[in-house]
N, C-alpha and C. Protein backbone atom coordinates (compact mmCIF):
# COMPACT_ATOMS: atom_id res chain seq x y z
N MET A 1 8.30 -10.74 -34.28
CA MET A 1 7.84 -11.92 -34.98
C MET A 1 6.82 -12.63 -34.10
N LYS A 2 5.69 -12.96 -34.66
CA LYS A 2 4.63 -13.65 -33.93
C LYS A 2 4.63 -15.11 -34.33
N VAL A 3 4.60 -15.99 -33.32
CA VAL A 3 4.65 -17.43 -33.59
C VAL A 3 3.49 -18.09 -32.86
N LYS A 4 2.80 -19.01 -33.50
CA LYS A 4 1.74 -19.78 -32.86
C LYS A 4 2.37 -21.04 -32.28
N LEU A 5 2.17 -21.26 -30.99
CA LEU A 5 2.75 -22.42 -30.33
C LEU A 5 1.94 -23.67 -30.59
N ASN A 6 2.64 -24.77 -30.64
CA ASN A 6 2.01 -26.08 -30.70
C ASN A 6 1.14 -26.22 -29.45
N PRO A 7 -0.07 -26.83 -29.54
CA PRO A 7 -0.95 -26.95 -28.37
C PRO A 7 -0.29 -27.54 -27.13
N MET A 8 0.72 -28.39 -27.30
CA MET A 8 1.38 -28.96 -26.11
C MET A 8 2.16 -27.91 -25.33
N PHE A 9 2.48 -26.74 -25.94
CA PHE A 9 3.22 -25.68 -25.26
C PHE A 9 2.31 -24.56 -24.74
N GLU A 10 1.01 -24.64 -24.98
CA GLU A 10 0.13 -23.54 -24.61
C GLU A 10 0.03 -23.34 -23.10
N GLN A 11 0.25 -24.35 -22.30
CA GLN A 11 0.17 -24.23 -20.85
C GLN A 11 1.52 -24.35 -20.16
N VAL A 12 2.60 -24.21 -20.90
CA VAL A 12 3.93 -24.40 -20.34
C VAL A 12 4.42 -23.13 -19.66
N SER A 13 5.20 -23.31 -18.58
CA SER A 13 5.89 -22.19 -17.96
C SER A 13 7.17 -22.74 -17.37
N GLY A 14 8.16 -21.89 -17.26
CA GLY A 14 9.45 -22.30 -16.74
C GLY A 14 10.53 -22.18 -17.79
N GLN A 15 11.61 -22.92 -17.61
CA GLN A 15 12.77 -22.81 -18.48
C GLN A 15 12.97 -24.11 -19.25
N LEU A 16 13.33 -23.97 -20.53
CA LEU A 16 13.67 -25.10 -21.38
C LEU A 16 14.90 -24.69 -22.17
N GLY A 17 16.05 -25.20 -21.75
CA GLY A 17 17.30 -24.78 -22.39
C GLY A 17 17.54 -23.30 -22.15
N GLU A 18 17.71 -22.54 -23.21
CA GLU A 18 17.94 -21.09 -23.11
C GLU A 18 16.64 -20.28 -23.22
N LEU A 19 15.49 -20.96 -23.32
CA LEU A 19 14.20 -20.27 -23.41
C LEU A 19 13.49 -20.28 -22.06
N VAL A 20 12.80 -19.19 -21.79
CA VAL A 20 11.98 -19.07 -20.59
C VAL A 20 10.55 -18.85 -21.05
N PHE A 21 9.63 -19.69 -20.57
CA PHE A 21 8.21 -19.58 -20.90
C PHE A 21 7.46 -19.04 -19.69
N ARG A 22 6.57 -18.08 -19.95
CA ARG A 22 5.74 -17.55 -18.88
C ARG A 22 4.42 -17.09 -19.48
N GLU A 23 3.42 -16.92 -18.60
CA GLU A 23 2.12 -16.46 -19.06
C GLU A 23 1.98 -14.98 -18.76
N MET A 24 1.59 -14.22 -19.78
CA MET A 24 1.34 -12.78 -19.62
C MET A 24 0.01 -12.46 -20.27
N ARG A 25 -0.90 -11.88 -19.46
CA ARG A 25 -2.21 -11.47 -19.95
C ARG A 25 -2.92 -12.59 -20.72
N GLY A 26 -2.84 -13.79 -20.18
CA GLY A 26 -3.56 -14.92 -20.74
C GLY A 26 -2.88 -15.59 -21.92
N LYS A 27 -1.68 -15.18 -22.28
CA LYS A 27 -0.96 -15.78 -23.40
C LYS A 27 0.40 -16.28 -22.94
N THR A 28 0.85 -17.39 -23.54
CA THR A 28 2.18 -17.92 -23.22
C THR A 28 3.21 -17.15 -24.04
N VAL A 29 4.25 -16.69 -23.35
CA VAL A 29 5.32 -15.91 -23.97
C VAL A 29 6.64 -16.63 -23.75
N ALA A 30 7.44 -16.71 -24.82
CA ALA A 30 8.78 -17.30 -24.72
C ALA A 30 9.81 -16.20 -24.92
N SER A 31 10.85 -16.21 -24.10
CA SER A 31 11.93 -15.23 -24.25
C SER A 31 13.25 -15.91 -23.91
N ARG A 32 14.35 -15.25 -24.29
CA ARG A 32 15.66 -15.78 -23.95
C ARG A 32 15.90 -15.69 -22.44
N LYS A 33 16.66 -16.64 -21.95
CA LYS A 33 17.05 -16.61 -20.55
C LYS A 33 17.95 -15.39 -20.34
N PRO A 34 17.66 -14.57 -19.31
CA PRO A 34 18.50 -13.39 -19.08
C PRO A 34 19.91 -13.80 -18.63
N THR A 35 20.88 -12.99 -19.03
CA THR A 35 22.25 -13.26 -18.60
C THR A 35 22.66 -12.19 -17.60
N VAL A 36 23.28 -12.62 -16.52
CA VAL A 36 23.74 -11.70 -15.48
C VAL A 36 25.26 -11.72 -15.50
N THR A 37 25.87 -10.55 -15.72
CA THR A 37 27.32 -10.50 -15.86
C THR A 37 28.03 -9.81 -14.70
N ALA A 38 27.33 -8.98 -13.94
CA ALA A 38 27.98 -8.20 -12.88
C ALA A 38 27.33 -8.48 -11.53
N GLU A 39 28.04 -8.13 -10.48
CA GLU A 39 27.49 -8.21 -9.14
C GLU A 39 26.35 -7.20 -9.02
N PRO A 40 25.29 -7.53 -8.29
CA PRO A 40 24.18 -6.58 -8.16
C PRO A 40 24.60 -5.33 -7.39
N SER A 41 24.04 -4.20 -7.79
CA SER A 41 24.31 -2.94 -7.10
C SER A 41 23.54 -2.93 -5.77
N ALA A 42 23.82 -1.93 -4.95
CA ALA A 42 23.12 -1.79 -3.67
C ALA A 42 21.62 -1.59 -3.91
N ASP A 43 21.26 -0.81 -4.95
CA ASP A 43 19.85 -0.60 -5.28
C ASP A 43 19.19 -1.90 -5.72
N GLN A 44 19.89 -2.69 -6.53
CA GLN A 44 19.34 -3.97 -6.98
C GLN A 44 19.15 -4.92 -5.81
N THR A 45 20.11 -4.94 -4.91
CA THR A 45 20.01 -5.80 -3.73
C THR A 45 18.83 -5.37 -2.86
N ALA A 46 18.66 -4.07 -2.68
CA ALA A 46 17.53 -3.55 -1.88
C ALA A 46 16.21 -3.90 -2.56
N HIS A 47 16.16 -3.76 -3.89
CA HIS A 47 14.92 -4.09 -4.62
C HIS A 47 14.61 -5.58 -4.50
N ARG A 48 15.63 -6.41 -4.59
CA ARG A 48 15.41 -7.86 -4.45
C ARG A 48 14.86 -8.20 -3.06
N GLU A 49 15.35 -7.49 -2.05
CA GLU A 49 14.85 -7.71 -0.69
C GLU A 49 13.38 -7.31 -0.60
N ARG A 50 13.04 -6.15 -1.20
CA ARG A 50 11.63 -5.71 -1.21
C ARG A 50 10.77 -6.72 -1.97
N PHE A 51 11.30 -7.29 -3.04
CA PHE A 51 10.55 -8.27 -3.81
C PHE A 51 10.32 -9.53 -2.97
N LYS A 52 11.31 -9.93 -2.17
CA LYS A 52 11.12 -11.07 -1.26
C LYS A 52 9.99 -10.77 -0.28
N GLN A 53 9.97 -9.54 0.23
CA GLN A 53 8.90 -9.15 1.15
C GLN A 53 7.55 -9.18 0.44
N ALA A 54 7.53 -8.73 -0.82
CA ALA A 54 6.29 -8.73 -1.60
C ALA A 54 5.81 -10.16 -1.84
N ALA A 55 6.74 -11.06 -2.14
CA ALA A 55 6.37 -12.46 -2.35
C ALA A 55 5.83 -13.08 -1.07
N ALA A 56 6.45 -12.75 0.06
CA ALA A 56 5.95 -13.26 1.35
C ALA A 56 4.56 -12.71 1.63
N TYR A 57 4.34 -11.42 1.32
CA TYR A 57 3.01 -10.83 1.49
C TYR A 57 2.00 -11.56 0.60
N GLY A 58 2.39 -11.80 -0.66
CA GLY A 58 1.49 -12.49 -1.59
C GLY A 58 1.10 -13.87 -1.09
N LYS A 59 2.07 -14.61 -0.58
CA LYS A 59 1.78 -15.95 -0.06
C LYS A 59 0.84 -15.89 1.14
N SER A 60 1.09 -14.94 2.04
CA SER A 60 0.22 -14.84 3.22
C SER A 60 -1.18 -14.37 2.84
N ALA A 61 -1.27 -13.45 1.87
CA ALA A 61 -2.58 -12.96 1.43
C ALA A 61 -3.39 -14.09 0.79
N LEU A 62 -2.73 -14.92 0.00
CA LEU A 62 -3.44 -16.01 -0.68
C LEU A 62 -3.74 -17.18 0.25
N ALA A 63 -3.08 -17.23 1.40
CA ALA A 63 -3.37 -18.28 2.38
C ALA A 63 -4.69 -18.02 3.11
N ASP A 64 -5.14 -16.76 3.13
CA ASP A 64 -6.41 -16.40 3.76
C ASP A 64 -7.52 -16.47 2.71
N ALA A 65 -8.50 -17.32 2.93
CA ALA A 65 -9.54 -17.58 1.93
C ALA A 65 -10.32 -16.31 1.53
N GLU A 66 -10.65 -15.48 2.51
CA GLU A 66 -11.42 -14.26 2.23
C GLU A 66 -10.60 -13.27 1.39
N THR A 67 -9.36 -13.08 1.77
CA THR A 67 -8.48 -12.17 1.03
C THR A 67 -8.20 -12.72 -0.36
N ARG A 68 -7.97 -14.02 -0.45
CA ARG A 68 -7.71 -14.66 -1.74
C ARG A 68 -8.88 -14.43 -2.70
N ALA A 69 -10.11 -14.56 -2.20
CA ALA A 69 -11.29 -14.38 -3.05
C ALA A 69 -11.33 -12.96 -3.64
N ILE A 70 -10.97 -11.97 -2.83
CA ILE A 70 -10.96 -10.59 -3.32
C ILE A 70 -9.93 -10.43 -4.43
N TYR A 71 -8.72 -10.95 -4.19
CA TYR A 71 -7.67 -10.85 -5.21
C TYR A 71 -8.01 -11.64 -6.47
N GLU A 72 -8.59 -12.84 -6.32
CA GLU A 72 -8.93 -13.66 -7.49
C GLU A 72 -9.96 -12.96 -8.37
N GLU A 73 -10.96 -12.36 -7.74
CA GLU A 73 -11.99 -11.65 -8.50
C GLU A 73 -11.37 -10.49 -9.30
N TYR A 74 -10.51 -9.74 -8.65
CA TYR A 74 -9.88 -8.60 -9.32
C TYR A 74 -8.90 -9.07 -10.39
N ALA A 75 -8.16 -10.14 -10.13
CA ALA A 75 -7.19 -10.68 -11.10
C ALA A 75 -7.91 -11.11 -12.38
N ASP A 76 -9.11 -11.68 -12.23
CA ASP A 76 -9.88 -12.08 -13.42
C ASP A 76 -10.23 -10.88 -14.28
N THR A 77 -10.58 -9.76 -13.65
CA THR A 77 -10.93 -8.57 -14.44
C THR A 77 -9.71 -7.97 -15.13
N LYS A 78 -8.53 -8.15 -14.55
CA LYS A 78 -7.28 -7.63 -15.12
C LYS A 78 -6.58 -8.63 -16.02
N ASN A 79 -7.10 -9.87 -16.07
CA ASN A 79 -6.51 -10.96 -16.86
C ASN A 79 -5.03 -11.14 -16.52
N MET A 80 -4.78 -11.26 -15.22
CA MET A 80 -3.40 -11.47 -14.77
C MET A 80 -3.39 -12.50 -13.66
N PRO A 81 -2.25 -13.15 -13.44
CA PRO A 81 -2.17 -14.15 -12.37
C PRO A 81 -2.42 -13.50 -11.00
N VAL A 82 -3.13 -14.22 -10.14
CA VAL A 82 -3.50 -13.66 -8.85
C VAL A 82 -2.27 -13.37 -7.99
N PHE A 83 -1.25 -14.22 -8.06
CA PHE A 83 -0.05 -13.97 -7.26
C PHE A 83 0.65 -12.69 -7.72
N ALA A 84 0.72 -12.49 -9.03
CA ALA A 84 1.33 -11.26 -9.56
C ALA A 84 0.57 -10.03 -9.08
N LEU A 85 -0.74 -10.15 -8.96
CA LEU A 85 -1.55 -9.04 -8.47
C LEU A 85 -1.25 -8.72 -7.01
N THR A 86 -1.06 -9.76 -6.18
CA THR A 86 -0.74 -9.51 -4.77
C THR A 86 0.62 -8.83 -4.63
N VAL A 87 1.57 -9.23 -5.46
CA VAL A 87 2.90 -8.62 -5.43
C VAL A 87 2.80 -7.16 -5.86
N ALA A 88 2.05 -6.90 -6.94
CA ALA A 88 1.87 -5.52 -7.40
C ALA A 88 1.18 -4.68 -6.34
N ASP A 89 0.21 -5.25 -5.63
CA ASP A 89 -0.48 -4.52 -4.57
C ASP A 89 0.47 -4.17 -3.44
N PHE A 90 1.39 -5.05 -3.13
CA PHE A 90 2.39 -4.78 -2.08
C PHE A 90 3.19 -3.53 -2.44
N PHE A 91 3.54 -3.39 -3.70
CA PHE A 91 4.37 -2.26 -4.14
C PHE A 91 3.58 -0.96 -4.31
N SER A 92 2.26 -1.03 -4.34
CA SER A 92 1.48 0.20 -4.47
C SER A 92 0.73 0.43 -3.15
N ALA A 93 1.35 1.19 -2.29
CA ALA A 93 0.83 1.43 -0.94
C ALA A 93 -0.39 2.36 -0.98
N PRO A 94 -1.19 2.33 0.08
CA PRO A 94 -2.29 3.29 0.19
C PRO A 94 -1.75 4.72 0.15
N VAL A 95 -2.58 5.64 -0.28
CA VAL A 95 -2.17 7.03 -0.46
C VAL A 95 -3.06 7.95 0.36
N ILE A 96 -2.44 8.92 1.04
CA ILE A 96 -3.18 9.98 1.72
C ILE A 96 -3.26 11.15 0.75
N ASP A 97 -4.45 11.47 0.28
CA ASP A 97 -4.62 12.56 -0.67
C ASP A 97 -4.72 13.91 0.01
N ASN A 98 -5.34 13.94 1.19
CA ASN A 98 -5.54 15.22 1.85
C ASN A 98 -5.78 15.02 3.35
N VAL A 99 -5.28 15.94 4.14
CA VAL A 99 -5.59 16.01 5.57
C VAL A 99 -6.19 17.39 5.79
N ASP A 100 -7.48 17.42 6.12
CA ASP A 100 -8.20 18.69 6.31
C ASP A 100 -8.22 19.04 7.79
N LEU A 101 -7.49 20.10 8.12
CA LEU A 101 -7.39 20.55 9.50
C LEU A 101 -8.13 21.86 9.73
N SER A 102 -8.95 22.26 8.77
CA SER A 102 -9.62 23.57 8.84
C SER A 102 -10.60 23.67 10.01
N THR A 103 -11.11 22.54 10.48
CA THR A 103 -12.07 22.57 11.60
C THR A 103 -11.42 22.09 12.90
N TYR A 104 -10.10 21.88 12.88
CA TYR A 104 -9.40 21.41 14.07
C TYR A 104 -8.54 22.54 14.64
N ASP A 105 -8.80 22.89 15.91
CA ASP A 105 -8.03 23.93 16.59
C ASP A 105 -7.48 23.42 17.92
N GLY A 106 -7.39 22.07 18.05
CA GLY A 106 -6.80 21.49 19.26
C GLY A 106 -7.77 21.28 20.40
N GLN A 107 -9.08 21.34 20.13
CA GLN A 107 -10.07 21.19 21.20
C GLN A 107 -10.79 19.84 21.09
N VAL A 108 -11.27 19.36 22.23
CA VAL A 108 -12.03 18.11 22.28
C VAL A 108 -13.26 18.22 21.36
N GLY A 109 -13.52 17.15 20.61
CA GLY A 109 -14.70 17.10 19.75
C GLY A 109 -14.48 17.65 18.35
N GLU A 110 -13.33 18.26 18.09
CA GLU A 110 -13.08 18.82 16.76
C GLU A 110 -12.57 17.73 15.82
N PRO A 111 -13.05 17.76 14.56
CA PRO A 111 -12.69 16.70 13.62
C PRO A 111 -11.42 16.99 12.81
N ILE A 112 -10.73 15.92 12.47
CA ILE A 112 -9.64 15.94 11.49
C ILE A 112 -10.12 15.01 10.38
N THR A 113 -10.21 15.53 9.16
CA THR A 113 -10.71 14.73 8.04
C THR A 113 -9.55 14.30 7.15
N ILE A 114 -9.54 13.02 6.82
CA ILE A 114 -8.47 12.45 6.00
C ILE A 114 -9.10 11.81 4.76
N LEU A 115 -8.55 12.15 3.59
CA LEU A 115 -8.94 11.48 2.35
C LEU A 115 -7.84 10.50 1.99
N ALA A 116 -8.17 9.21 1.91
CA ALA A 116 -7.18 8.18 1.65
C ALA A 116 -7.75 7.18 0.65
N ARG A 117 -6.84 6.59 -0.15
CA ARG A 117 -7.30 5.63 -1.15
C ARG A 117 -6.28 4.51 -1.33
N ASP A 118 -6.80 3.38 -1.80
CA ASP A 118 -5.99 2.23 -2.16
C ASP A 118 -6.79 1.45 -3.19
N GLU A 119 -6.12 0.82 -4.11
CA GLU A 119 -6.82 0.09 -5.18
C GLU A 119 -7.78 -0.95 -4.63
N PHE A 120 -7.46 -1.55 -3.49
CA PHE A 120 -8.32 -2.56 -2.89
C PHE A 120 -9.09 -2.05 -1.68
N GLY A 121 -9.01 -0.77 -1.45
CA GLY A 121 -9.76 -0.18 -0.35
C GLY A 121 -8.92 -0.01 0.90
N VAL A 122 -9.10 1.11 1.57
CA VAL A 122 -8.43 1.36 2.84
C VAL A 122 -9.28 0.72 3.93
N MET A 123 -8.66 -0.12 4.74
CA MET A 123 -9.40 -0.84 5.78
C MET A 123 -9.49 -0.05 7.07
N ASN A 124 -8.46 0.77 7.39
CA ASN A 124 -8.51 1.58 8.59
C ASN A 124 -7.52 2.73 8.49
N VAL A 125 -7.80 3.78 9.24
CA VAL A 125 -6.90 4.93 9.35
C VAL A 125 -6.69 5.17 10.84
N ARG A 126 -5.46 5.06 11.27
CA ARG A 126 -5.11 5.25 12.68
C ARG A 126 -4.47 6.62 12.83
N VAL A 127 -4.94 7.41 13.77
CA VAL A 127 -4.44 8.76 13.99
C VAL A 127 -3.75 8.80 15.35
N ALA A 128 -2.59 9.45 15.40
CA ALA A 128 -1.87 9.63 16.66
C ALA A 128 -1.37 11.05 16.73
N LEU A 129 -1.69 11.75 17.80
CA LEU A 129 -1.21 13.11 18.03
C LEU A 129 -0.15 13.06 19.12
N SER A 130 0.95 13.81 18.91
CA SER A 130 1.98 13.92 19.93
C SER A 130 2.52 15.34 19.92
N ASP A 131 3.16 15.74 21.00
CA ASP A 131 3.71 17.09 21.06
C ASP A 131 5.03 17.15 20.29
N GLN A 132 5.65 18.34 20.24
CA GLN A 132 6.85 18.51 19.43
C GLN A 132 8.02 17.67 19.94
N SER A 133 7.96 17.18 21.16
CA SER A 133 9.00 16.31 21.71
C SER A 133 8.73 14.85 21.44
N GLY A 134 7.59 14.57 20.83
CA GLY A 134 7.23 13.18 20.53
C GLY A 134 6.44 12.49 21.62
N ASN A 135 6.05 13.24 22.66
CA ASN A 135 5.25 12.66 23.73
C ASN A 135 3.81 12.49 23.26
N PRO A 136 3.23 11.31 23.45
CA PRO A 136 1.87 11.07 22.98
C PRO A 136 0.84 11.98 23.66
N ILE A 137 -0.09 12.48 22.86
CA ILE A 137 -1.21 13.27 23.38
C ILE A 137 -2.47 12.40 23.34
N GLU A 138 -2.74 11.83 22.17
CA GLU A 138 -3.89 10.93 22.01
C GLU A 138 -3.72 10.14 20.74
N SER A 139 -4.49 9.06 20.62
CA SER A 139 -4.49 8.27 19.39
C SER A 139 -5.80 7.50 19.32
N GLY A 140 -6.14 7.09 18.11
CA GLY A 140 -7.35 6.31 17.91
C GLY A 140 -7.62 6.12 16.43
N ASP A 141 -8.66 5.38 16.15
CA ASP A 141 -9.04 5.11 14.76
C ASP A 141 -9.99 6.17 14.24
N ALA A 142 -9.76 6.58 13.01
CA ALA A 142 -10.72 7.45 12.32
C ALA A 142 -11.87 6.56 11.83
N VAL A 143 -13.01 7.16 11.57
CA VAL A 143 -14.19 6.44 11.11
C VAL A 143 -14.48 6.86 9.68
N GLU A 144 -14.72 5.86 8.80
CA GLU A 144 -15.05 6.19 7.41
C GLU A 144 -16.48 6.69 7.37
N VAL A 145 -16.67 7.89 6.82
CA VAL A 145 -17.98 8.55 6.82
C VAL A 145 -19.01 7.73 6.06
N VAL A 146 -18.69 7.34 4.85
CA VAL A 146 -19.55 6.47 4.03
C VAL A 146 -18.67 5.32 3.56
N ALA A 147 -19.15 4.08 3.66
CA ALA A 147 -18.36 2.92 3.27
C ALA A 147 -17.77 3.09 1.88
N SER A 148 -16.49 2.77 1.75
CA SER A 148 -15.74 2.83 0.48
C SER A 148 -15.63 4.23 -0.11
N SER A 149 -15.86 5.26 0.69
CA SER A 149 -15.78 6.64 0.18
C SER A 149 -14.36 7.18 0.21
N GLY A 150 -13.52 6.62 1.10
CA GLY A 150 -12.16 7.12 1.27
C GLY A 150 -12.09 8.35 2.15
N ARG A 151 -13.21 8.78 2.70
CA ARG A 151 -13.26 9.96 3.58
C ARG A 151 -13.39 9.49 5.02
N TRP A 152 -12.34 9.76 5.81
CA TRP A 152 -12.25 9.30 7.19
C TRP A 152 -12.22 10.50 8.12
N VAL A 153 -12.87 10.39 9.28
CA VAL A 153 -12.90 11.49 10.24
C VAL A 153 -12.45 10.98 11.61
N TYR A 154 -11.49 11.71 12.18
CA TYR A 154 -11.05 11.44 13.54
C TYR A 154 -11.54 12.59 14.41
N THR A 155 -12.16 12.27 15.54
CA THR A 155 -12.65 13.30 16.45
C THR A 155 -11.72 13.37 17.67
N ALA A 156 -11.19 14.55 17.91
CA ALA A 156 -10.24 14.75 19.00
C ALA A 156 -10.88 14.46 20.35
N THR A 157 -10.11 13.84 21.23
CA THR A 157 -10.60 13.50 22.57
C THR A 157 -9.83 14.23 23.67
N VAL A 158 -8.78 14.98 23.29
CA VAL A 158 -7.94 15.68 24.26
C VAL A 158 -7.68 17.09 23.75
N SER A 159 -7.76 18.08 24.64
CA SER A 159 -7.40 19.46 24.27
C SER A 159 -5.88 19.57 24.24
N VAL A 160 -5.38 20.39 23.30
CA VAL A 160 -3.95 20.54 23.09
C VAL A 160 -3.52 21.96 23.41
N ASN A 161 -2.39 22.10 24.07
CA ASN A 161 -1.81 23.40 24.39
C ASN A 161 -1.41 24.11 23.09
N HIS A 162 -1.79 25.36 22.93
CA HIS A 162 -1.54 26.10 21.69
C HIS A 162 -0.12 26.65 21.57
N ASP A 163 0.77 26.38 22.53
CA ASP A 163 2.13 26.90 22.48
C ASP A 163 3.09 25.96 21.75
N ASN A 164 2.61 24.83 21.27
CA ASN A 164 3.48 23.83 20.66
C ASN A 164 3.56 23.99 19.14
N THR A 165 4.68 23.54 18.56
CA THR A 165 4.86 23.52 17.11
C THR A 165 4.50 22.14 16.58
N VAL A 166 3.93 22.09 15.38
CA VAL A 166 3.39 20.83 14.86
C VAL A 166 3.79 20.55 13.42
N ASN A 167 4.03 19.29 13.12
CA ASN A 167 4.14 18.80 11.75
C ASN A 167 3.13 17.69 11.59
N VAL A 168 2.71 17.45 10.36
CA VAL A 168 1.77 16.36 10.09
C VAL A 168 2.45 15.38 9.17
N SER A 169 2.38 14.10 9.49
CA SER A 169 2.86 13.09 8.55
C SER A 169 1.92 11.91 8.59
N GLY A 170 1.75 11.29 7.44
CA GLY A 170 0.95 10.08 7.36
C GLY A 170 1.74 9.06 6.58
N ASP A 171 1.73 7.82 7.03
CA ASP A 171 2.46 6.82 6.27
C ASP A 171 1.70 5.51 6.23
N SER A 172 2.01 4.74 5.22
CA SER A 172 1.39 3.44 5.02
C SER A 172 2.24 2.38 5.71
N HIS A 173 1.61 1.29 6.09
CA HIS A 173 2.38 0.22 6.71
C HIS A 173 3.23 -0.52 5.69
N ARG A 174 3.06 -0.24 4.38
CA ARG A 174 3.82 -0.94 3.37
C ARG A 174 4.73 -0.03 2.56
N SER A 175 4.87 1.21 2.93
CA SER A 175 5.66 2.12 2.11
C SER A 175 6.26 3.21 2.98
N SER A 176 7.29 3.83 2.45
CA SER A 176 7.89 4.94 3.18
C SER A 176 7.32 6.27 2.72
N GLY A 177 6.35 6.26 1.82
CA GLY A 177 5.76 7.50 1.32
C GLY A 177 4.95 8.19 2.40
N TRP A 178 5.06 9.52 2.52
CA TRP A 178 4.25 10.26 3.48
C TRP A 178 4.04 11.68 3.02
N HIS A 179 3.21 12.37 3.75
CA HIS A 179 2.64 13.65 3.36
C HIS A 179 2.91 14.64 4.49
N ASN A 180 3.50 15.77 4.21
CA ASN A 180 3.81 16.77 5.27
C ASN A 180 2.90 17.98 5.17
N ARG A 181 2.56 18.55 6.30
CA ARG A 181 1.72 19.74 6.36
C ARG A 181 1.80 20.38 7.73
N LEU A 182 1.57 21.66 7.84
CA LEU A 182 1.58 22.33 9.15
C LEU A 182 0.23 22.15 9.83
N LEU A 183 0.22 21.83 11.10
CA LEU A 183 -1.02 21.57 11.84
C LEU A 183 -1.19 22.56 12.99
N ASN A 184 -1.81 23.69 12.75
CA ASN A 184 -2.21 24.64 13.80
C ASN A 184 -1.21 24.81 14.95
N GLN A 185 0.05 24.60 14.73
CA GLN A 185 1.09 24.82 15.75
C GLN A 185 0.87 24.00 17.02
N GLN A 186 0.41 22.75 16.95
CA GLN A 186 0.14 22.02 18.19
C GLN A 186 0.86 20.71 18.44
N GLY A 187 1.58 20.11 17.57
CA GLY A 187 2.24 18.83 17.83
C GLY A 187 2.35 18.03 16.55
N PHE A 188 2.58 16.75 16.67
CA PHE A 188 2.68 15.89 15.50
C PHE A 188 1.40 15.09 15.31
N LEU A 189 0.99 14.94 14.06
CA LEU A 189 -0.13 14.07 13.71
C LEU A 189 0.44 12.99 12.82
N SER A 190 0.29 11.77 13.21
CA SER A 190 0.77 10.65 12.42
C SER A 190 -0.42 9.81 11.98
N LEU A 191 -0.46 9.47 10.69
CA LEU A 191 -1.56 8.69 10.15
C LEU A 191 -1.01 7.37 9.65
N SER A 192 -1.61 6.27 10.02
CA SER A 192 -1.24 4.95 9.51
C SER A 192 -2.43 4.36 8.78
N LEU A 193 -2.22 3.92 7.55
CA LEU A 193 -3.29 3.34 6.76
C LEU A 193 -3.16 1.83 6.74
N GLY A 194 -4.27 1.15 6.84
CA GLY A 194 -4.28 -0.29 6.72
C GLY A 194 -5.10 -0.68 5.51
N SER A 195 -4.54 -1.54 4.65
CA SER A 195 -5.28 -2.04 3.49
C SER A 195 -5.07 -3.54 3.42
N LEU A 196 -5.60 -4.17 2.38
CA LEU A 196 -5.40 -5.61 2.22
C LEU A 196 -3.94 -5.93 2.21
């Protein structure tokens, strides 16, 4: 059922009796107040904790004028509240699409190419190499080949012993998602992505 609200309710949000008013995609929506009958499950409690973290991220992002401007511009194109956009961005971590090791054989000067993306752009890609025991070999920032291309290249600065076994993992600072791959039998490669 579609109802046209009286003009005095067009900008309302919050709770009035058993009704909850909120804005969605530029329109005021009224719904019944949800009823909670059971204790939250462990998954619900964990999700609520993540949502608290997302809200804290949103507040800190909007406190920075430069970051706020980026989110406000994008929120206008999506016709959604800017705070909701920051929370959604917290839950959608940067993604590593590919790690190209075809030109890396553990020697100084050889490149490791990483393809990474995020809705608001990847700000940096940090690469760390370690041996199979977790001892650091080298680390540093990859360089984006062309601005906003998502193609990052790290150039090795240390030669690696070829007798070691290697796994590759990359993770975002906001998510537990990661990508596994075999790396020329030389150690661990860890990738950290930074975004807004």
